[in-house]
Amino acid sequence: MGYRIDRLKLSFRENGTGWTLNYLFKRLTKMEYFSKNLQKLEAKKKYPGWNSVTQNKLTWNNWDWNQLGEEWTKSPQWKGKLISEIIGRIIPEKSSIIEIGPGGGRWTEHLLKKAEKLHLVDISEKCLQLCKERFGNNSVLRYNLISNIDFGFAEKESIDVIFSYDVFVHIDKTQIEEYFNEFAGVLKKSGRIILHYSKVGDKFGEYRSRFTSEDMNALLAKHRLTLIEEYDVETLEKNKGNFFEVIAVIEK
């Protein structure tokens, strides 16, 4: 209960009274009228909703990480396919890698096998501490706690791969734009971004980011990045499926 009250208090500060009350009325009534009001306010006032850095930090610092993130693994077969078809096939050996939002390290374990250097980046102290406990003082690993979106820990054009799964579906549009500004600076020429996101924004969940495929296309054009392929998250089939949520492979 205390965590939920803290989230509401934070919402009043970041989104204002109007947005927060519309959200509460939406939860009570289920009326579409309040959903439309929320979207209008976000567009006009640039409110982050539930997807600000501070809201996400509060969420993941208070999460029960006993399963280390495996509660979101669809099946052992699904995870094995993601490891072999995406991490194993796309990421070169001895790569310099950034993982954004490692959580309890469920993908970190496998990225380490491909890495000469692996930067873990998170806004949550708890997540980085979990990874330190799990992986120790591995000489390949660098732990980077950030509050502002700044990749000053990496040299310009020094990174082969940026990987992030189950993170950008919870990040505000404005922050995603800031991340892409950093990506463009630290990626090597022909470096790649492997990024899970929702092409339909928050259609299937109120805590999801409103960032959509249209927003992604605009960022790719702005930074002269190329979409190489997409994997449907449910099936991990390449370039086919329902494509509500995808793992996008993007090249500089």
C-alpha atoms as a PDB file:
ATOM      1  CA  MET A   1       0.000   0.000   0.000  1.00  0.00           C
ATOM      2  CA  GLY A   2       2.833   2.409   0.859  1.00  0.00           C
ATOM      3  CA  TYR A   3       4.395   1.876  -2.574  1.00  0.00           C
ATOM      4  CA  ARG A   4       1.107   2.717  -4.338  1.00  0.00           C
ATOM      5  CA  ILE A   5       0.664   5.860  -2.270  1.00  0.00           C
ATOM      6  CA  ASP A   6       4.211   6.895  -3.145  1.00  0.00           C
ATOM      7  CA  ARG A   7       3.436   6.402  -6.847  1.00  0.00           C
ATOM      8  CA  LEU A   8       0.331   8.593  -6.569  1.00  0.00           C
ATOM      9  CA  LYS A   9       2.201  11.316  -4.704  1.00  0.00           C
ATOM     10  CA  LEU A  10       4.873  11.266  -7.379  1.00  0.00           C
ATOM     11  CA  SER A  11       2.230  11.448 -10.096  1.00  0.00           C
ATOM     12  CA  PHE A  12       0.691  14.573  -8.558  1.00  0.00           C
ATOM     13  CA  ARG A  13       4.147  16.176  -8.673  1.00  0.00           C
ATOM     14  CA  GLU A  14       5.118  15.079 -12.191  1.00  0.00           C
ATOM     15  CA  ASN A  15       1.770  14.952 -14.016  1.00  0.00           C
ATOM     16  CA  GLY A  16      -0.285  17.465 -12.073  1.00  0.00           C
ATOM     17  CA  THR A  17      -3.675  17.191 -10.398  1.00  0.00           C
ATOM     18  CA  GLY A  18      -5.715  17.030 -13.615  1.00  0.00           C
ATOM     19  CA  TRP A  19      -3.860  14.057 -15.105  1.00  0.00           C
ATOM     20  CA  THR A  20      -3.781  12.111 -11.832  1.00  0.00           C
ATOM     21  CA  LEU A  21      -7.488  12.637 -11.117  1.00  0.00           C
ATOM     22  CA  ASN A  22      -8.388  11.607 -14.665  1.00  0.00           C
ATOM     23  CA  TYR A  23      -6.345   8.453 -14.150  1.00  0.00           C
ATOM     24  CA  LEU A  24      -8.133   7.648 -10.881  1.00  0.00           C
ATOM     25  CA  PHE A  25     -11.553   8.254 -12.470  1.00  0.00           C
ATOM     26  CA  LYS A  26     -10.546   6.025 -15.376  1.00  0.00           C
ATOM     27  CA  ARG A  27      -9.646   3.220 -12.956  1.00  0.00           C
ATOM     28  CA  LEU A  28     -12.940   3.623 -11.087  1.00  0.00           C
ATOM     29  CA  THR A  29     -15.282   3.973 -14.074  1.00  0.00           C
ATOM     30  CA  LYS A  30     -13.429   2.260 -16.967  1.00  0.00           C
ATOM     31  CA  MET A  31     -14.782   5.082 -19.175  1.00  0.00           C
ATOM     32  CA  GLU A  32     -12.958   5.838 -22.427  1.00  0.00           C
ATOM     33  CA  TYR A  33     -13.627   9.547 -21.854  1.00  0.00           C
ATOM     34  CA  PHE A  34     -10.940   9.658 -19.155  1.00  0.00           C
ATOM     35  CA  SER A  35      -8.456   7.711 -21.279  1.00  0.00           C
ATOM     36  CA  LYS A  36      -8.801  10.332 -24.016  1.00  0.00           C
ATOM     37  CA  ASN A  37      -8.309  13.104 -21.468  1.00  0.00           C
ATOM     38  CA  LEU A  38      -5.075  11.468 -20.311  1.00  0.00           C
ATOM     39  CA  GLN A  39      -3.728  11.294 -23.844  1.00  0.00           C
ATOM     40  CA  LYS A  40      -4.648  14.922 -24.539  1.00  0.00           C
ATOM     41  CA  LEU A  41      -2.933  16.108 -21.373  1.00  0.00           C
ATOM     42  CA  GLU A  42       0.196  14.083 -22.127  1.00  0.00           C
ATOM     43  CA  ALA A  43       0.387  15.473 -25.655  1.00  0.00           C
ATOM     44  CA  LYS A  44      -0.208  19.071 -24.567  1.00  0.00           C
ATOM     45  CA  LYS A  45       1.829  19.165 -21.348  1.00  0.00           C
ATOM     46  CA  LYS A  46       4.433  16.480 -22.164  1.00  0.00           C
ATOM     47  CA  TYR A  47       3.539  14.586 -18.990  1.00  0.00           C
ATOM     48  CA  PRO A  48       5.414  11.248 -18.606  1.00  0.00           C
ATOM     49  CA  GLY A  49       2.456   9.413 -17.015  1.00  0.00           C
ATOM     50  CA  TRP A  50       3.739   6.308 -15.249  1.00  0.00           C
ATOM     51  CA  ASN A  51       6.885   6.124 -17.390  1.00  0.00           C
ATOM     52  CA  SER A  52       9.168   8.780 -15.901  1.00  0.00           C
ATOM     53  CA  VAL A  53      12.653   7.964 -14.630  1.00  0.00           C
ATOM     54  CA  THR A  54      11.525   8.512 -11.042  1.00  0.00           C
ATOM     55  CA  GLN A  55       8.406   6.337 -11.391  1.00  0.00           C
ATOM     56  CA  ASN A  56      10.419   3.529 -12.980  1.00  0.00           C
ATOM     57  CA  LYS A  57      13.127   3.825 -10.355  1.00  0.00           C
ATOM     58  CA  LEU A  58      10.498   3.573  -7.607  1.00  0.00           C
ATOM     59  CA  THR A  59       8.927   0.540  -9.288  1.00  0.00           C
ATOM     60  CA  TRP A  60      12.077  -1.499  -9.863  1.00  0.00           C
ATOM     61  CA  ASN A  61      13.678  -0.649  -6.533  1.00  0.00           C
ATOM     62  CA  ASN A  62      10.524  -2.005  -4.858  1.00  0.00           C
ATOM     63  CA  TRP A  63      10.043  -5.033  -7.117  1.00  0.00           C
ATOM     64  CA  ASP A  64      10.226  -8.568  -5.712  1.00  0.00           C
ATOM     65  CA  TRP A  65      13.275  -9.854  -7.615  1.00  0.00           C
ATOM     66  CA  ASN A  66      13.269 -13.361  -6.115  1.00  0.00           C
ATOM     67  CA  GLN A  67      12.905 -14.848  -9.612  1.00  0.00           C
ATOM     68  CA  LEU A  68      15.542 -12.471 -11.044  1.00  0.00           C
ATOM     69  CA  GLY A  69      13.237 -11.504 -13.908  1.00  0.00           C
ATOM     70  CA  GLU A  70      12.486 -15.047 -15.034  1.00  0.00           C
ATOM     71  CA  GLU A  71       8.803 -14.452 -14.226  1.00  0.00           C
ATOM     72  CA  TRP A  72       8.632 -12.766 -17.640  1.00  0.00           C
ATOM     73  CA  THR A  73      10.233 -15.668 -19.505  1.00  0.00           C
ATOM     74  CA  LYS A  74       7.530 -17.234 -21.673  1.00  0.00           C
ATOM     75  CA  SER A  75       9.057 -20.730 -21.643  1.00  0.00           C
ATOM     76  CA  PRO A  76      12.502 -22.384 -21.521  1.00  0.00           C
ATOM     77  CA  GLN A  77      12.185 -23.056 -25.270  1.00  0.00           C
ATOM     78  CA  TRP A  78      11.339 -19.409 -25.991  1.00  0.00           C
ATOM     79  CA  LYS A  79      14.309 -18.192 -23.952  1.00  0.00           C
ATOM     80  CA  GLY A  80      16.628 -20.702 -25.624  1.00  0.00           C
ATOM     81  CA  LYS A  81      15.549 -19.471 -29.045  1.00  0.00           C
ATOM     82  CA  LEU A  82      16.154 -15.830 -28.124  1.00  0.00           C
ATOM     83  CA  ILE A  83      19.622 -16.722 -26.863  1.00  0.00           C
ATOM     84  CA  SER A  84      20.590 -18.763 -29.926  1.00  0.00           C
ATOM     85  CA  GLU A  85      18.838 -16.845 -32.718  1.00  0.00           C
ATOM     86  CA  ILE A  86      19.403 -13.296 -31.501  1.00  0.00           C
ATOM     87  CA  ILE A  87      22.167 -13.045 -28.898  1.00  0.00           C
ATOM     88  CA  GLY A  88      24.158 -15.938 -30.348  1.00  0.00           C
ATOM     89  CA  ARG A  89      23.754 -15.153 -34.041  1.00  0.00           C
ATOM     90  CA  ILE A  90      23.734 -11.344 -34.137  1.00  0.00           C
ATOM     91  CA  ILE A  91      26.321 -10.371 -31.519  1.00  0.00           C
ATOM     92  CA  PRO A  92      29.952 -10.912 -32.592  1.00  0.00           C
ATOM     93  CA  GLU A  93      32.494 -12.588 -30.331  1.00  0.00           C
ATOM     94  CA  LYS A  94      34.529 -10.269 -28.069  1.00  0.00           C
ATOM     95  CA  SER A  95      32.105  -7.378 -28.496  1.00  0.00           C
ATOM     96  CA  SER A  96      31.922  -4.180 -26.511  1.00  0.00           C
ATOM     97  CA  ILE A  97      28.294  -4.238 -25.296  1.00  0.00           C
ATOM     98  CA  ILE A  98      25.900  -2.006 -23.387  1.00  0.00           C
ATOM     99  CA  GLU A  99      22.915  -3.659 -21.712  1.00  0.00           C
ATOM    100  CA  ILE A 100      20.219  -1.241 -20.590  1.00  0.00           C
ATOM    101  CA  GLY A 101      18.053  -2.431 -17.703  1.00  0.00           C
ATOM    102  CA  PRO A 102      19.634  -5.783 -16.783  1.00  0.00           C
ATOM    103  CA  GLY A 103      17.170  -6.417 -13.938  1.00  0.00           C
ATOM    104  CA  GLY A 104      18.287  -9.605 -12.199  1.00  0.00           C
ATOM    105  CA  GLY A 105      20.719 -10.525 -14.990  1.00  0.00           C
ATOM    106  CA  ARG A 106      18.677 -13.052 -16.972  1.00  0.00           C
ATOM    107  CA  TRP A 107      20.199 -11.840 -20.288  1.00  0.00           C
ATOM    108  CA  THR A 108      23.453 -10.550 -18.784  1.00  0.00           C
ATOM    109  CA  GLU A 109      24.522 -14.139 -18.142  1.00  0.00           C
ATOM    110  CA  HIS A 110      24.455 -14.833 -21.891  1.00  0.00           C
ATOM    111  CA  LEU A 111      25.730 -11.453 -23.075  1.00  0.00           C
ATOM    112  CA  LEU A 112      28.828 -12.046 -20.938  1.00  0.00           C
ATOM    113  CA  LYS A 113      29.761 -14.994 -23.135  1.00  0.00           C
ATOM    114  CA  LYS A 114      29.938 -12.631 -26.118  1.00  0.00           C
ATOM    115  CA  ALA A 115      31.564  -9.668 -24.412  1.00  0.00           C
ATOM    116  CA  GLU A 116      35.061  -8.312 -24.181  1.00  0.00           C
ATOM    117  CA  LYS A 117      33.520  -5.486 -22.172  1.00  0.00           C
ATOM    118  CA  LEU A 118      29.937  -5.302 -20.918  1.00  0.00           C
ATOM    119  CA  HIS A 119      28.487  -2.080 -19.499  1.00  0.00           C
ATOM    120  CA  LEU A 120      25.356  -2.635 -17.387  1.00  0.00           C
ATOM    121  CA  VAL A 121      23.225   0.517 -17.279  1.00  0.00           C
ATOM    122  CA  ASP A 122      20.292   0.987 -14.918  1.00  0.00           C
ATOM    123  CA  ILE A 123      18.390   3.654 -13.000  1.00  0.00           C
ATOM    124  CA  SER A 124      17.745   1.145 -10.193  1.00  0.00           C
ATOM    125  CA  GLU A 125      20.330   0.672  -7.456  1.00  0.00           C
ATOM    126  CA  LYS A 126      18.645  -2.594  -6.512  1.00  0.00           C
ATOM    127  CA  CYS A 127      19.030  -4.105  -9.989  1.00  0.00           C
ATOM    128  CA  LEU A 128      22.724  -3.293 -10.214  1.00  0.00           C
ATOM    129  CA  GLN A 129      23.260  -4.694  -6.718  1.00  0.00           C
ATOM    130  CA  LEU A 130      21.534  -7.943  -7.736  1.00  0.00           C
ATOM    131  CA  CYS A 131      23.868  -8.224 -10.719  1.00  0.00           C
ATOM    132  CA  LYS A 132      26.915  -7.529  -8.533  1.00  0.00           C
ATOM    133  CA  GLU A 133      25.821 -10.298  -6.178  1.00  0.00           C
ATOM    134  CA  ARG A 134      25.218 -12.662  -9.081  1.00  0.00           C
ATOM    135  CA  PHE A 135      28.285 -11.954 -11.241  1.00  0.00           C
ATOM    136  CA  GLY A 136      30.750 -10.505  -8.732  1.00  0.00           C
ATOM    137  CA  ASN A 137      33.826  -8.506  -9.707  1.00  0.00           C
ATOM    138  CA  ASN A 138      34.036  -9.888 -13.225  1.00  0.00           C
ATOM    139  CA  SER A 139      36.721  -7.924 -15.074  1.00  0.00           C
ATOM    140  CA  VAL A 140      34.510  -7.762 -18.183  1.00  0.00           C
ATOM    141  CA  LEU A 141      31.667  -6.003 -16.355  1.00  0.00           C
ATOM    142  CA  ARG A 142      31.139  -2.307 -15.686  1.00  0.00           C
ATOM    143  CA  TYR A 143      28.243  -1.171 -13.485  1.00  0.00           C
ATOM    144  CA  ASN A 144      26.704   2.208 -14.383  1.00  0.00           C
ATOM    145  CA  LEU A 145      23.963   3.741 -12.245  1.00  0.00           C
ATOM    146  CA  ILE A 146      22.387   6.659 -14.126  1.00  0.00           C
ATOM    147  CA  SER A 147      19.802   9.278 -13.246  1.00  0.00           C
ATOM    148  CA  ASN A 148      20.260  11.396 -16.358  1.00  0.00           C
ATOM    149  CA  ILE A 149      20.468   9.704 -19.743  1.00  0.00           C
ATOM    150  CA  ASP A 150      24.173  10.153 -20.346  1.00  0.00           C
ATOM    151  CA  PHE A 151      26.561   7.529 -21.722  1.00  0.00           C
ATOM    152  CA  GLY A 152      29.706   9.415 -20.744  1.00  0.00           C
ATOM    153  CA  PHE A 153      31.074   6.123 -19.390  1.00  0.00           C
ATOM    154  CA  ALA A 154      31.680   4.959 -23.002  1.00  0.00           C
ATOM    155  CA  GLU A 155      34.039   6.523 -25.524  1.00  0.00           C
ATOM    156  CA  LYS A 156      32.690   7.879 -28.791  1.00  0.00           C
ATOM    157  CA  GLU A 157      32.083   5.142 -31.400  1.00  0.00           C
ATOM    158  CA  SER A 158      33.433   2.419 -29.084  1.00  0.00           C
ATOM    159  CA  ILE A 159      30.392   0.127 -28.734  1.00  0.00           C
ATOM    160  CA  ASP A 160      29.561  -2.827 -30.995  1.00  0.00           C
ATOM    161  CA  VAL A 161      26.111  -3.686 -29.615  1.00  0.00           C
ATOM    162  CA  ILE A 162      23.441  -2.078 -27.439  1.00  0.00           C
ATOM    163  CA  PHE A 163      20.982  -4.623 -26.030  1.00  0.00           C
ATOM    164  CA  SER A 164      17.784  -4.039 -24.074  1.00  0.00           C
ATOM    165  CA  TYR A 165      14.833  -6.317 -23.386  1.00  0.00           C
ATOM    166  CA  ASP A 166      11.639  -5.574 -21.395  1.00  0.00           C
ATOM    167  CA  VAL A 167      12.775  -2.008 -20.681  1.00  0.00           C
ATOM    168  CA  PHE A 168      11.779   0.402 -23.449  1.00  0.00           C
ATOM    169  CA  VAL A 169       8.156  -0.723 -23.189  1.00  0.00           C
ATOM    170  CA  HIS A 170       8.166   1.242 -19.899  1.00  0.00           C
ATOM    171  CA  ILE A 171      10.053   4.391 -20.933  1.00  0.00           C
ATOM    172  CA  ASP A 172       8.532   7.757 -21.804  1.00  0.00           C
ATOM    173  CA  LYS A 173       8.829   8.952 -25.431  1.00  0.00           C
ATOM    174  CA  THR A 174      11.020  11.918 -24.545  1.00  0.00           C
ATOM    175  CA  GLN A 175      13.464   9.697 -22.664  1.00  0.00           C
ATOM    176  CA  ILE A 176      13.630   7.247 -25.582  1.00  0.00           C
ATOM    177  CA  GLU A 177      14.636  10.132 -27.841  1.00  0.00           C
ATOM    178  CA  GLU A 178      17.400  10.997 -25.344  1.00  0.00           C
ATOM    179  CA  TYR A 179      18.603   7.397 -25.342  1.00  0.00           C
ATOM    180  CA  PHE A 180      18.837   7.381 -29.129  1.00  0.00           C
ATOM    181  CA  ASN A 181      20.904  10.568 -29.015  1.00  0.00           C
ATOM    182  CA  GLU A 182      23.373   8.669 -26.820  1.00  0.00           C
ATOM    183  CA  PHE A 183      23.234   5.541 -28.996  1.00  0.00           C
ATOM    184  CA  ALA A 184      24.236   7.527 -32.063  1.00  0.00           C
ATOM    185  CA  GLY A 185      27.334   8.846 -30.297  1.00  0.00           C
ATOM    186  CA  VAL A 186      28.744   5.665 -28.741  1.00  0.00           C
ATOM    187  CA  LEU A 187      27.987   3.092 -31.458  1.00  0.00           C
ATOM    188  CA  LYS A 188      30.704   2.131 -33.903  1.00  0.00           C
ATOM    189  CA  LYS A 189      29.976   2.406 -37.590  1.00  0.00           C
ATOM    190  CA  SER A 190      27.918  -0.716 -38.429  1.00  0.00           C
ATOM    191  CA  GLY A 191      27.273  -1.193 -34.710  1.00  0.00           C
ATOM    192  CA  ARG A 192      23.881  -2.615 -33.816  1.00  0.00           C
ATOM    193  CA  ILE A 193      21.009  -1.970 -31.415  1.00  0.00           C
ATOM    194  CA  ILE A 194      18.912  -4.964 -30.317  1.00  0.00           C
ATOM    195  CA  LEU A 195      15.823  -3.418 -28.773  1.00  0.00           C
ATOM    196  CA  HIS A 196      12.493  -4.773 -27.523  1.00  0.00           C
ATOM    197  CA  TYR A 197       9.607  -2.304 -27.814  1.00  0.00           C
ATOM    198  CA  SER A 198       5.867  -2.133 -28.483  1.00  0.00           C
ATOM    199  CA  LYS A 199       4.878  -1.016 -31.989  1.00  0.00           C
ATOM    200  CA  VAL A 200       1.391  -0.183 -30.700  1.00  0.00           C
ATOM    201  CA  GLY A 201       2.438   1.818 -27.644  1.00  0.00           C
ATOM    202  CA  ASP A 202       0.269   1.273 -24.575  1.00  0.00           C
ATOM    203  CA  LYS A 203      -2.573  -0.527 -26.374  1.00  0.00           C
ATOM    204  CA  PHE A 204      -2.212  -3.585 -24.149  1.00  0.00           C
ATOM    205  CA  GLY A 205      -1.343  -2.038 -20.793  1.00  0.00           C
ATOM    206  CA  GLU A 206      -1.670   1.269 -18.989  1.00  0.00           C
ATOM    207  CA  TYR A 207       1.871   1.171 -17.606  1.00  0.00           C
ATOM    208  CA  ARG A 208       3.322   0.732 -21.085  1.00  0.00           C
ATOM    209  CA  SER A 209       5.049   3.495 -23.000  1.00  0.00           C
ATOM    210  CA  ARG A 210       3.044   5.350 -25.659  1.00  0.00           C
ATOM    211  CA  PHE A 211       6.075   5.114 -27.960  1.00  0.00           C
ATOM    212  CA  THR A 212       4.998   3.424 -31.238  1.00  0.00           C
ATOM    213  CA  SER A 213       6.415   2.237 -34.572  1.00  0.00           C
ATOM    214  CA  GLU A 214       5.758   5.707 -36.015  1.00  0.00           C
ATOM    215  CA  ASP A 215       7.941   7.224 -33.291  1.00  0.00           C
ATOM    216  CA  MET A 216      10.622   4.619 -33.957  1.00  0.00           C
ATOM    217  CA  ASN A 217      10.635   5.350 -37.686  1.00  0.00           C
ATOM    218  CA  ALA A 218      11.098   9.059 -36.973  1.00  0.00           C
ATOM    219  CA  LEU A 219      14.109   8.344 -34.719  1.00  0.00           C
ATOM    220  CA  LEU A 220      15.686   6.010 -37.264  1.00  0.00           C
ATOM    221  CA  ALA A 221      15.396   8.686 -39.937  1.00  0.00           C
ATOM    222  CA  LYS A 222      16.749  11.408 -37.638  1.00  0.00           C
ATOM    223  CA  HIS A 223      19.868   9.419 -36.698  1.00  0.00           C
ATOM    224  CA  ARG A 224      20.325   7.710 -40.082  1.00  0.00           C
ATOM    225  CA  LEU A 225      19.898   4.278 -38.573  1.00  0.00           C
ATOM    226  CA  THR A 226      18.658   1.259 -40.539  1.00  0.00           C
ATOM    227  CA  LEU A 227      16.136  -1.333 -39.378  1.00  0.00           C
ATOM    228  CA  ILE A 228      17.674  -4.675 -40.396  1.00  0.00           C
ATOM    229  CA  GLU A 229      15.054  -7.119 -39.095  1.00  0.00           C
ATOM    230  CA  GLU A 230      12.320  -7.587 -36.516  1.00  0.00           C
ATOM    231  CA  TYR A 231      11.349 -10.578 -34.411  1.00  0.00           C
ATOM    232  CA  ASP A 232       7.820 -11.030 -33.130  1.00  0.00           C
ATOM    233  CA  VAL A 233       8.180 -11.260 -29.342  1.00  0.00           C
ATOM    234  CA  GLU A 234       5.557 -13.993 -28.897  1.00  0.00           C
ATOM    235  CA  THR A 235       6.990 -16.439 -31.438  1.00  0.00           C
ATOM    236  CA  LEU A 236      10.476 -15.028 -32.113  1.00  0.00           C
ATOM    237  CA  GLU A 237       9.745 -15.502 -35.801  1.00  0.00           C
ATOM    238  CA  LYS A 238      11.750 -13.133 -37.980  1.00  0.00           C
ATOM    239  CA  ASN A 239       9.835 -10.596 -40.067  1.00  0.00           C
ATOM    240  CA  LYS A 240       6.448 -12.220 -39.547  1.00  0.00           C
ATOM    241  CA  GLY A 241       3.831 -12.491 -36.813  1.00  0.00           C
ATOM    242  CA  ASN A 242       1.359 -10.124 -35.152  1.00  0.00           C
ATOM    243  CA  PHE A 243       4.120  -7.556 -34.504  1.00  0.00           C
ATOM    244  CA  PHE A 244       2.451  -5.893 -31.529  1.00  0.00           C
ATOM    245  CA  GLU A 245       5.748  -6.191 -29.665  1.00  0.00           C
ATOM    246  CA  VAL A 246       9.023  -6.821 -31.423  1.00  0.00           C
ATOM    247  CA  ILE A 247      12.744  -7.148 -30.969  1.00  0.00           C
ATOM    248  CA  ALA A 248      14.134  -4.715 -33.509  1.00  0.00           C
ATOM    249  CA  VAL A 249      17.671  -5.123 -34.892  1.00  0.00           C
ATOM    250  CA  ILE A 250      18.955  -1.715 -35.962  1.00  0.00           C
ATOM    251  CA  GLU A 251      22.275  -0.852 -37.610  1.00  0.00           C
ATOM    252  CA  LYS A 252      24.220   2.398 -37.600  1.00  0.00           C
END
